[in-house]
Amino acid sequence: MNFFGLFIIFIFVIMLSGPFVPVISDYALPIVGILFLIGGLGAGFISGAGGNKVWQGFNRRLGWSGTLSPIDPHGSQHPLHH
């Protein structure tokens, strides 16, 4: 089983146990988000892409290229909005 697949299983466990465990029910969405983030970043690091490449991709997806705005200061739109 690969690293990301293990985190997908953890996410399914959280989602399926949420209705039965009140503590998990209250925090299921943030827990799933954190698990997905850790699984994705971890898979990127393990893939051998290199730390700089993984962090550049992470920052690019969030639109954090120096500003918090997804719009490029030169007037072109962010690649996700095409």
PDB file of N, CA and C in Angstrom:
ATOM      1  N   MET A   1       0.857  -1.176   0.000  1.00  0.00           N
ATOM      2  CA  MET A   1       0.000   0.000   0.000  1.00  0.00           C
ATOM      3  C   MET A   1       0.896   1.230   0.000  1.00  0.00           C
ATOM      4  N   ASN A   2       0.542   2.204  -0.822  1.00  0.00           N
ATOM      5  CA  ASN A   2       1.348   3.419  -0.874  1.00  0.00           C
ATOM      6  C   ASN A   2       0.947   4.404   0.231  1.00  0.00           C
ATOM      7  N   PHE A   3       1.770   5.401   0.392  1.00  0.00           N
ATOM      8  CA  PHE A   3       1.591   6.378   1.477  1.00  0.00           C
ATOM      9  C   PHE A   3       0.257   7.109   1.357  1.00  0.00           C
ATOM     10  N   PHE A   4      -0.041   7.639   0.172  1.00  0.00           N
ATOM     11  CA  PHE A   4      -1.278   8.389  -0.014  1.00  0.00           C
ATOM     12  C   PHE A   4      -2.500   7.486   0.168  1.00  0.00           C
ATOM     13  N   GLY A   5      -2.413   6.247  -0.303  1.00  0.00           N
ATOM     14  CA  GLY A   5      -3.513   5.300  -0.144  1.00  0.00           C
ATOM     15  C   GLY A   5      -3.840   5.029   1.313  1.00  0.00           C
ATOM     16  N   LEU A   6      -2.801   4.982   2.135  1.00  0.00           N
ATOM     17  CA  LEU A   6      -3.010   4.797   3.572  1.00  0.00           C
ATOM     18  C   LEU A   6      -3.805   5.968   4.154  1.00  0.00           C
ATOM     19  N   PHE A   7      -3.502   7.180   3.735  1.00  0.00           N
ATOM     20  CA  PHE A   7      -4.231   8.340   4.233  1.00  0.00           C
ATOM     21  C   PHE A   7      -5.659   8.370   3.703  1.00  0.00           C
ATOM     22  N   ILE A   8      -5.880   7.882   2.496  1.00  0.00           N
ATOM     23  CA  ILE A   8      -7.255   7.783   1.974  1.00  0.00           C
ATOM     24  C   ILE A   8      -8.064   6.818   2.844  1.00  0.00           C
ATOM     25  N   ILE A   9      -7.458   5.725   3.264  1.00  0.00           N
ATOM     26  CA  ILE A   9      -8.144   4.791   4.163  1.00  0.00           C
ATOM     27  C   ILE A   9      -8.466   5.466   5.491  1.00  0.00           C
ATOM     28  N   PHE A  10      -7.511   6.221   6.044  1.00  0.00           N
ATOM     29  CA  PHE A  10      -7.775   6.976   7.284  1.00  0.00           C
ATOM     30  C   PHE A  10      -8.949   7.936   7.092  1.00  0.00           C
ATOM     31  N   ILE A  11      -9.009   8.586   5.936  1.00  0.00           N
ATOM     32  CA  ILE A  11     -10.101   9.526   5.666  1.00  0.00           C
ATOM     33  C   ILE A  11     -11.441   8.793   5.645  1.00  0.00           C
ATOM     34  N   PHE A  12     -11.495   7.631   4.984  1.00  0.00           N
ATOM     35  CA  PHE A  12     -12.734   6.854   4.966  1.00  0.00           C
ATOM     36  C   PHE A  12     -13.138   6.407   6.365  1.00  0.00           C
ATOM     37  N   VAL A  13     -12.168   6.010   7.179  1.00  0.00           N
ATOM     38  CA  VAL A  13     -12.463   5.598   8.552  1.00  0.00           C
ATOM     39  C   VAL A  13     -13.074   6.755   9.331  1.00  0.00           C
ATOM     40  N   ILE A  14     -12.502   7.944   9.189  1.00  0.00           N
ATOM     41  CA  ILE A  14     -13.037   9.123   9.885  1.00  0.00           C
ATOM     42  C   ILE A  14     -14.451   9.426   9.410  1.00  0.00           C
ATOM     43  N   MET A  15     -14.657   9.393   8.097  1.00  0.00           N
ATOM     44  CA  MET A  15     -15.979   9.722   7.560  1.00  0.00           C
ATOM     45  C   MET A  15     -17.039   8.691   7.957  1.00  0.00           C
ATOM     46  N   LEU A  16     -16.654   7.421   8.002  1.00  0.00           N
ATOM     47  CA  LEU A  16     -17.626   6.392   8.351  1.00  0.00           C
ATOM     48  C   LEU A  16     -17.884   6.302   9.850  1.00  0.00           C
ATOM     49  N   SER A  17     -16.904   6.677  10.670  1.00  0.00           N
ATOM     50  CA  SER A  17     -17.107   6.612  12.119  1.00  0.00           C
ATOM     51  C   SER A  17     -17.692   7.896  12.682  1.00  0.00           C
ATOM     52  N   GLY A  18     -17.722   8.950  11.901  1.00  0.00           N
ATOM     53  CA  GLY A  18     -18.241  10.236  12.369  1.00  0.00           C
ATOM     54  C   GLY A  18     -19.642  10.189  12.951  1.00  0.00           C
ATOM     55  N   PRO A  19     -20.602   9.541  12.295  1.00  0.00           N
ATOM     56  CA  PRO A  19     -21.957   9.519  12.850  1.00  0.00           C
ATOM     57  C   PRO A  19     -22.081   8.750  14.169  1.00  0.00           C
ATOM     58  N   PHE A  20     -21.116   7.887  14.463  1.00  0.00           N
ATOM     59  CA  PHE A  20     -21.221   7.048  15.652  1.00  0.00           C
ATOM     60  C   PHE A  20     -20.369   7.533  16.816  1.00  0.00           C
ATOM     61  N   VAL A  21     -19.397   8.388  16.538  1.00  0.00           N
ATOM     62  CA  VAL A  21     -18.502   8.900  17.585  1.00  0.00           C
ATOM     63  C   VAL A  21     -18.667  10.420  17.626  1.00  0.00           C
ATOM     64  N   PRO A  22     -19.345  10.934  18.673  1.00  0.00           N
ATOM     65  CA  PRO A  22     -19.655  12.367  18.706  1.00  0.00           C
ATOM     66  C   PRO A  22     -18.428  13.283  18.605  1.00  0.00           C
ATOM     67  N   VAL A  23     -17.317  12.906  19.209  1.00  0.00           N
ATOM     68  CA  VAL A  23     -16.124  13.761  19.164  1.00  0.00           C
ATOM     69  C   VAL A  23     -15.614  13.882  17.727  1.00  0.00           C
ATOM     70  N   ILE A  24     -15.592  12.761  17.021  1.00  0.00           N
ATOM     71  CA  ILE A  24     -15.142  12.780  15.633  1.00  0.00           C
ATOM     72  C   ILE A  24     -16.161  13.503  14.757  1.00  0.00           C
ATOM     73  N   SER A  25     -17.430  13.361  15.069  1.00  0.00           N
ATOM     74  CA  SER A  25     -18.472  14.003  14.285  1.00  0.00           C
ATOM     75  C   SER A  25     -18.289  15.517  14.246  1.00  0.00           C
ATOM     76  N   ASP A  26     -17.921  16.097  15.363  1.00  0.00           N
ATOM     77  CA  ASP A  26     -17.752  17.548  15.432  1.00  0.00           C
ATOM     78  C   ASP A  26     -16.550  18.037  14.641  1.00  0.00           C
ATOM     79  N   TYR A  27     -15.530  17.224  14.507  1.00  0.00           N
ATOM     80  CA  TYR A  27     -14.281  17.653  13.885  1.00  0.00           C
ATOM     81  C   TYR A  27     -13.928  16.862  12.625  1.00  0.00           C
ATOM     82  N   ALA A  28     -14.882  16.176  12.020  1.00  0.00           N
ATOM     83  CA  ALA A  28     -14.588  15.308  10.878  1.00  0.00           C
ATOM     84  C   ALA A  28     -14.016  16.081   9.689  1.00  0.00           C
ATOM     85  N   LEU A  29     -14.613  17.200   9.339  1.00  0.00           N
ATOM     86  CA  LEU A  29     -14.141  17.935   8.167  1.00  0.00           C
ATOM     87  C   LEU A  29     -12.717  18.470   8.345  1.00  0.00           C
ATOM     88  N   PRO A  30     -12.388  19.111   9.468  1.00  0.00           N
ATOM     89  CA  PRO A  30     -10.995  19.540   9.633  1.00  0.00           C
ATOM     90  C   PRO A  30     -10.005  18.371   9.687  1.00  0.00           C
ATOM     91  N   ILE A  31     -10.405  17.263  10.297  1.00  0.00           N
ATOM     92  CA  ILE A  31      -9.518  16.096  10.362  1.00  0.00           C
ATOM     93  C   ILE A  31      -9.263  15.556   8.957  1.00  0.00           C
ATOM     94  N   VAL A  32     -10.304  15.476   8.147  1.00  0.00           N
ATOM     95  CA  VAL A  32     -10.158  14.985   6.775  1.00  0.00           C
ATOM     96  C   VAL A  32      -9.258  15.930   5.971  1.00  0.00           C
ATOM     97  N   GLY A  33      -9.440  17.216   6.145  1.00  0.00           N
ATOM     98  CA  GLY A  33      -8.595  18.184   5.450  1.00  0.00           C
ATOM     99  C   GLY A  33      -7.134  18.047   5.818  1.00  0.00           C
ATOM    100  N   ILE A  34      -6.862  17.890   7.098  1.00  0.00           N
ATOM    101  CA  ILE A  34      -5.480  17.744   7.559  1.00  0.00           C
ATOM    102  C   ILE A  34      -4.884  16.430   7.057  1.00  0.00           C
ATOM    103  N   LEU A  35      -5.654  15.346   7.098  1.00  0.00           N
ATOM    104  CA  LEU A  35      -5.160  14.069   6.592  1.00  0.00           C
ATOM    105  C   LEU A  35      -4.862  14.136   5.095  1.00  0.00           C
ATOM    106  N   PHE A  36      -5.735  14.794   4.341  1.00  0.00           N
ATOM    107  CA  PHE A  36      -5.511  14.924   2.904  1.00  0.00           C
ATOM    108  C   PHE A  36      -4.266  15.764   2.629  1.00  0.00           C
ATOM    109  N   LEU A  37      -4.092  16.842   3.379  1.00  0.00           N
ATOM    110  CA  LEU A  37      -2.910  17.692   3.216  1.00  0.00           C
ATOM    111  C   LEU A  37      -1.630  16.932   3.531  1.00  0.00           C
ATOM    112  N   ILE A  38      -1.600  16.231   4.658  1.00  0.00           N
ATOM    113  CA  ILE A  38      -0.407  15.474   5.052  1.00  0.00           C
ATOM    114  C   ILE A  38      -0.132  14.347   4.056  1.00  0.00           C
ATOM    115  N   GLY A  39      -1.194  13.652   3.640  1.00  0.00           N
ATOM    116  CA  GLY A  39      -1.013  12.575   2.670  1.00  0.00           C
ATOM    117  C   GLY A  39      -0.490  13.066   1.335  1.00  0.00           C
ATOM    118  N   GLY A  40      -1.010  14.177   0.852  1.00  0.00           N
ATOM    119  CA  GLY A  40      -0.556  14.723  -0.417  1.00  0.00           C
ATOM    120  C   GLY A  40       0.872  15.226  -0.371  1.00  0.00           C
ATOM    121  N   LEU A  41       1.185  15.991   0.678  1.00  0.00           N
ATOM    122  CA  LEU A  41       2.556  16.493   0.814  1.00  0.00           C
ATOM    123  C   LEU A  41       3.541  15.344   1.026  1.00  0.00           C
ATOM    124  N   GLY A  42       3.161  14.394   1.873  1.00  0.00           N
ATOM    125  CA  GLY A  42       4.039  13.252   2.127  1.00  0.00           C
ATOM    126  C   GLY A  42       4.289  12.442   0.871  1.00  0.00           C
ATOM    127  N   ALA A  43       3.256  12.224   0.066  1.00  0.00           N
ATOM    128  CA  ALA A  43       3.428  11.490  -1.188  1.00  0.00           C
ATOM    129  C   ALA A  43       4.347  12.252  -2.134  1.00  0.00           C
ATOM    130  N   GLY A  44       4.230  13.571  -2.140  1.00  0.00           N
ATOM    131  CA  GLY A  44       5.115  14.372  -2.983  1.00  0.00           C
ATOM    132  C   GLY A  44       6.563  14.259  -2.555  1.00  0.00           C
ATOM    133  N   PHE A  45       6.807  14.313  -1.249  1.00  0.00           N
ATOM    134  CA  PHE A  45       8.176  14.192  -0.749  1.00  0.00           C
ATOM    135  C   PHE A  45       8.743  12.797  -1.018  1.00  0.00           C
ATOM    136  N   ILE A  46       7.926  11.767  -0.821  1.00  0.00           N
ATOM    137  CA  ILE A  46       8.374  10.395  -1.030  1.00  0.00           C
ATOM    138  C   ILE A  46       8.628  10.118  -2.515  1.00  0.00           C
ATOM    139  N   SER A  47       7.905  10.802  -3.395  1.00  0.00           N
ATOM    140  CA  SER A  47       8.040  10.544  -4.834  1.00  0.00           C
ATOM    141  C   SER A  47       9.410  10.899  -5.384  1.00  0.00           C
ATOM    142  N   GLY A  48      10.175  11.664  -4.626  1.00  0.00           N
ATOM    143  CA  GLY A  48      11.498  12.056  -5.090  1.00  0.00           C
ATOM    144  C   GLY A  48      11.501  13.346  -5.880  1.00  0.00           C
ATOM    145  N   ALA A  49      10.401  14.058  -5.873  1.00  0.00           N
ATOM    146  CA  ALA A  49      10.324  15.314  -6.620  1.00  0.00           C
ATOM    147  C   ALA A  49      11.208  16.386  -6.001  1.00  0.00           C
ATOM    148  N   GLY A  50      11.543  16.227  -4.749  1.00  0.00           N
ATOM    149  CA  GLY A  50      12.356  17.225  -4.064  1.00  0.00           C
ATOM    150  C   GLY A  50      11.488  18.185  -3.274  1.00  0.00           C
ATOM    151  N   GLY A  51      12.002  18.594  -2.145  1.00  0.00           N
ATOM    152  CA  GLY A  51      11.237  19.466  -1.260  1.00  0.00           C
ATOM    153  C   GLY A  51      10.839  20.782  -1.893  1.00  0.00           C
ATOM    154  N   ASN A  52      11.751  21.402  -2.641  1.00  0.00           N
ATOM    155  CA  ASN A  52      11.425  22.680  -3.262  1.00  0.00           C
ATOM    156  C   ASN A  52      10.296  22.536  -4.272  1.00  0.00           C
ATOM    157  N   LYS A  53      10.322  21.490  -5.048  1.00  0.00           N
ATOM    158  CA  LYS A  53       9.288  21.270  -6.062  1.00  0.00           C
ATOM    159  C   LYS A  53       7.916  21.033  -5.404  1.00  0.00           C
ATOM    160  N   VAL A  54       7.906  20.260  -4.320  1.00  0.00           N
ATOM    161  CA  VAL A  54       6.647  19.984  -3.618  1.00  0.00           C
ATOM    162  C   VAL A  54       6.081  21.269  -3.034  1.00  0.00           C
ATOM    163  N   TRP A  55       6.911  22.053  -2.372  1.00  0.00           N
ATOM    164  CA  TRP A  55       6.424  23.300  -1.766  1.00  0.00           C
ATOM    165  C   TRP A  55       6.011  24.311  -2.822  1.00  0.00           C
ATOM    166  N   GLN A  56       6.713  24.358  -3.964  1.00  0.00           N
ATOM    167  CA  GLN A  56       6.307  25.267  -5.043  1.00  0.00           C
ATOM    168  C   GLN A  56       4.932  24.879  -5.577  1.00  0.00           C
ATOM    169  N   GLY A  57       4.699  23.589  -5.759  1.00  0.00           N
ATOM    170  CA  GLY A  57       3.391  23.133  -6.217  1.00  0.00           C
ATOM    171  C   GLY A  57       2.296  23.415  -5.206  1.00  0.00           C
ATOM    172  N   PHE A  58       2.599  23.219  -3.953  1.00  0.00           N
ATOM    173  CA  PHE A  58       1.628  23.500  -2.881  1.00  0.00           C
ATOM    174  C   PHE A  58       1.271  24.982  -2.869  1.00  0.00           C
ATOM    175  N   ASN A  59       2.272  25.832  -2.905  1.00  0.00           N
ATOM    176  CA  ASN A  59       2.030  27.272  -2.877  1.00  0.00           C
ATOM    177  C   ASN A  59       1.316  27.746  -4.137  1.00  0.00           C
ATOM    178  N   ARG A  60       1.654  27.159  -5.276  1.00  0.00           N
ATOM    179  CA  ARG A  60       1.014  27.552  -6.526  1.00  0.00           C
ATOM    180  C   ARG A  60      -0.464  27.199  -6.522  1.00  0.00           C
ATOM    181  N   ARG A  61      -0.803  26.027  -5.991  1.00  0.00           N
ATOM    182  CA  ARG A  61      -2.209  25.605  -5.939  1.00  0.00           C
ATOM    183  C   ARG A  61      -3.034  26.508  -5.045  1.00  0.00           C
ATOM    184  N   LEU A  62      -2.403  27.045  -4.013  1.00  0.00           N
ATOM    185  CA  LEU A  62      -3.128  27.938  -3.117  1.00  0.00           C
ATOM    186  C   LEU A  62      -3.121  29.377  -3.607  1.00  0.00           C
ATOM    187  N   GLY A  63      -2.354  29.659  -4.645  1.00  0.00           N
ATOM    188  CA  GLY A  63      -2.275  31.016  -5.147  1.00  0.00           C
ATOM    189  C   GLY A  63      -1.336  31.883  -4.342  1.00  0.00           C
ATOM    190  N   TRP A  64      -0.448  31.256  -3.584  1.00  0.00           N
ATOM    191  CA  TRP A  64       0.476  32.019  -2.747  1.00  0.00           C
ATOM    192  C   TRP A  64       1.785  32.236  -3.490  1.00  0.00           C
ATOM    193  N   SER A  65       1.790  33.114  -4.444  1.00  0.00           N
ATOM    194  CA  SER A  65       3.017  33.415  -5.172  1.00  0.00           C
ATOM    195  C   SER A  65       3.504  34.804  -4.778  1.00  0.00           C
ATOM    196  N   GLY A  66       3.530  35.079  -3.505  1.00  0.00           N
ATOM    197  CA  GLY A  66       3.952  36.387  -3.014  1.00  0.00           C
ATOM    198  C   GLY A  66       2.785  37.194  -2.484  1.00  0.00           C
ATOM    199  N   THR A  67       1.576  36.915  -2.962  1.00  0.00           N
ATOM    200  CA  THR A  67       0.384  37.579  -2.459  1.00  0.00           C
ATOM    201  C   THR A  67      -0.640  36.504  -2.137  1.00  0.00           C
ATOM    202  N   LEU A  68      -1.666  36.879  -1.447  1.00  0.00           N
ATOM    203  CA  LEU A  68      -2.725  35.920  -1.151  1.00  0.00           C
ATOM    204  C   LEU A  68      -3.818  35.933  -2.212  1.00  0.00           C
ATOM    205  N   SER A  69      -3.667  36.774  -3.219  1.00  0.00           N
ATOM    206  CA  SER A  69      -4.649  36.870  -4.286  1.00  0.00           C
ATOM    207  C   SER A  69      -4.349  35.845  -5.375  1.00  0.00           C
ATOM    208  N   PRO A  70      -5.382  35.157  -5.904  1.00  0.00           N
ATOM    209  CA  PRO A  70      -5.145  34.211  -6.991  1.00  0.00           C
ATOM    210  C   PRO A  70      -4.926  34.906  -8.336  1.00  0.00           C
ATOM    211  N   ILE A  71      -5.046  36.226  -8.389  1.00  0.00           N
ATOM    212  CA  ILE A  71      -4.851  36.967  -9.626  1.00  0.00           C
ATOM    213  C   ILE A  71      -3.404  37.434  -9.706  1.00  0.00           C
ATOM    214  N   ASP A  72      -2.777  37.209 -10.848  1.00  0.00           N
ATOM    215  CA  ASP A  72      -1.394  37.625 -11.076  1.00  0.00           C
ATOM    216  C   ASP A  72      -1.333  39.149 -11.136  1.00  0.00           C
ATOM    217  N   PRO A  73      -0.350  39.769 -10.481  1.00  0.00           N
ATOM    218  CA  PRO A  73      -0.270  41.233 -10.503  1.00  0.00           C
ATOM    219  C   PRO A  73      -0.030  41.801 -11.898  1.00  0.00           C
ATOM    220  N   HIS A  74       0.382  40.972 -12.855  1.00  0.00           N
ATOM    221  CA  HIS A  74       0.613  41.441 -14.216  1.00  0.00           C
ATOM    222  C   HIS A  74      -0.659  41.404 -15.053  1.00  0.00           C
ATOM    223  N   GLY A  75      -1.754  41.002 -14.471  1.00  0.00           N
ATOM    224  CA  GLY A  75      -3.038  41.046 -15.161  1.00  0.00           C
ATOM    225  C   GLY A  75      -3.550  39.714 -15.665  1.00  0.00           C
ATOM    226  N   SER A  76      -2.707  38.687 -15.745  1.00  0.00           N
ATOM    227  CA  SER A  76      -3.200  37.395 -16.209  1.00  0.00           C
ATOM    228  C   SER A  76      -3.813  36.633 -15.044  1.00  0.00           C
ATOM    229  N   GLN A  77      -4.775  35.786 -15.353  1.00  0.00           N
ATOM    230  CA  GLN A  77      -5.437  35.036 -14.298  1.00  0.00           C
ATOM    231  C   GLN A  77      -4.574  33.879 -13.842  1.00  0.00           C
ATOM    232  N   HIS A  78      -4.876  33.396 -12.653  1.00  0.00           N
ATOM    233  CA  HIS A  78      -4.233  32.224 -12.095  1.00  0.00           C
ATOM    234  C   HIS A  78      -4.538  31.031 -12.987  1.00  0.00           C
ATOM    235  N   PRO A  79      -3.592  30.090 -13.161  1.00  0.00           N
ATOM    236  CA  PRO A  79      -3.847  28.939 -14.059  1.00  0.00           C
ATOM    237  C   PRO A  79      -5.070  28.113 -13.696  1.00  0.00           C
ATOM    238  N   LEU A  80      -5.481  28.119 -12.452  1.00  0.00           N
ATOM    239  CA  LEU A  80      -6.652  27.324 -12.061  1.00  0.00           C
ATOM    240  C   LEU A  80      -7.954  27.952 -12.554  1.00  0.00           C
ATOM    241  N   HIS A  81      -7.931  29.213 -12.902  1.00  0.00           N
ATOM    242  CA  HIS A  81      -9.165  29.908 -13.289  1.00  0.00           C
ATOM    243  C   HIS A  81      -9.358  29.971 -14.788  1.00  0.00           C
ATOM    244  N   HIS A  82      -8.564  29.263 -15.569  1.00  0.00           N
ATOM    245  CA  HIS A  82      -8.720  29.278 -17.033  1.00  0.00           C
ATOM    246  C   HIS A  82      -9.798  28.352 -17.454  1.00  0.00           C
TER     247      HIS A  82
END
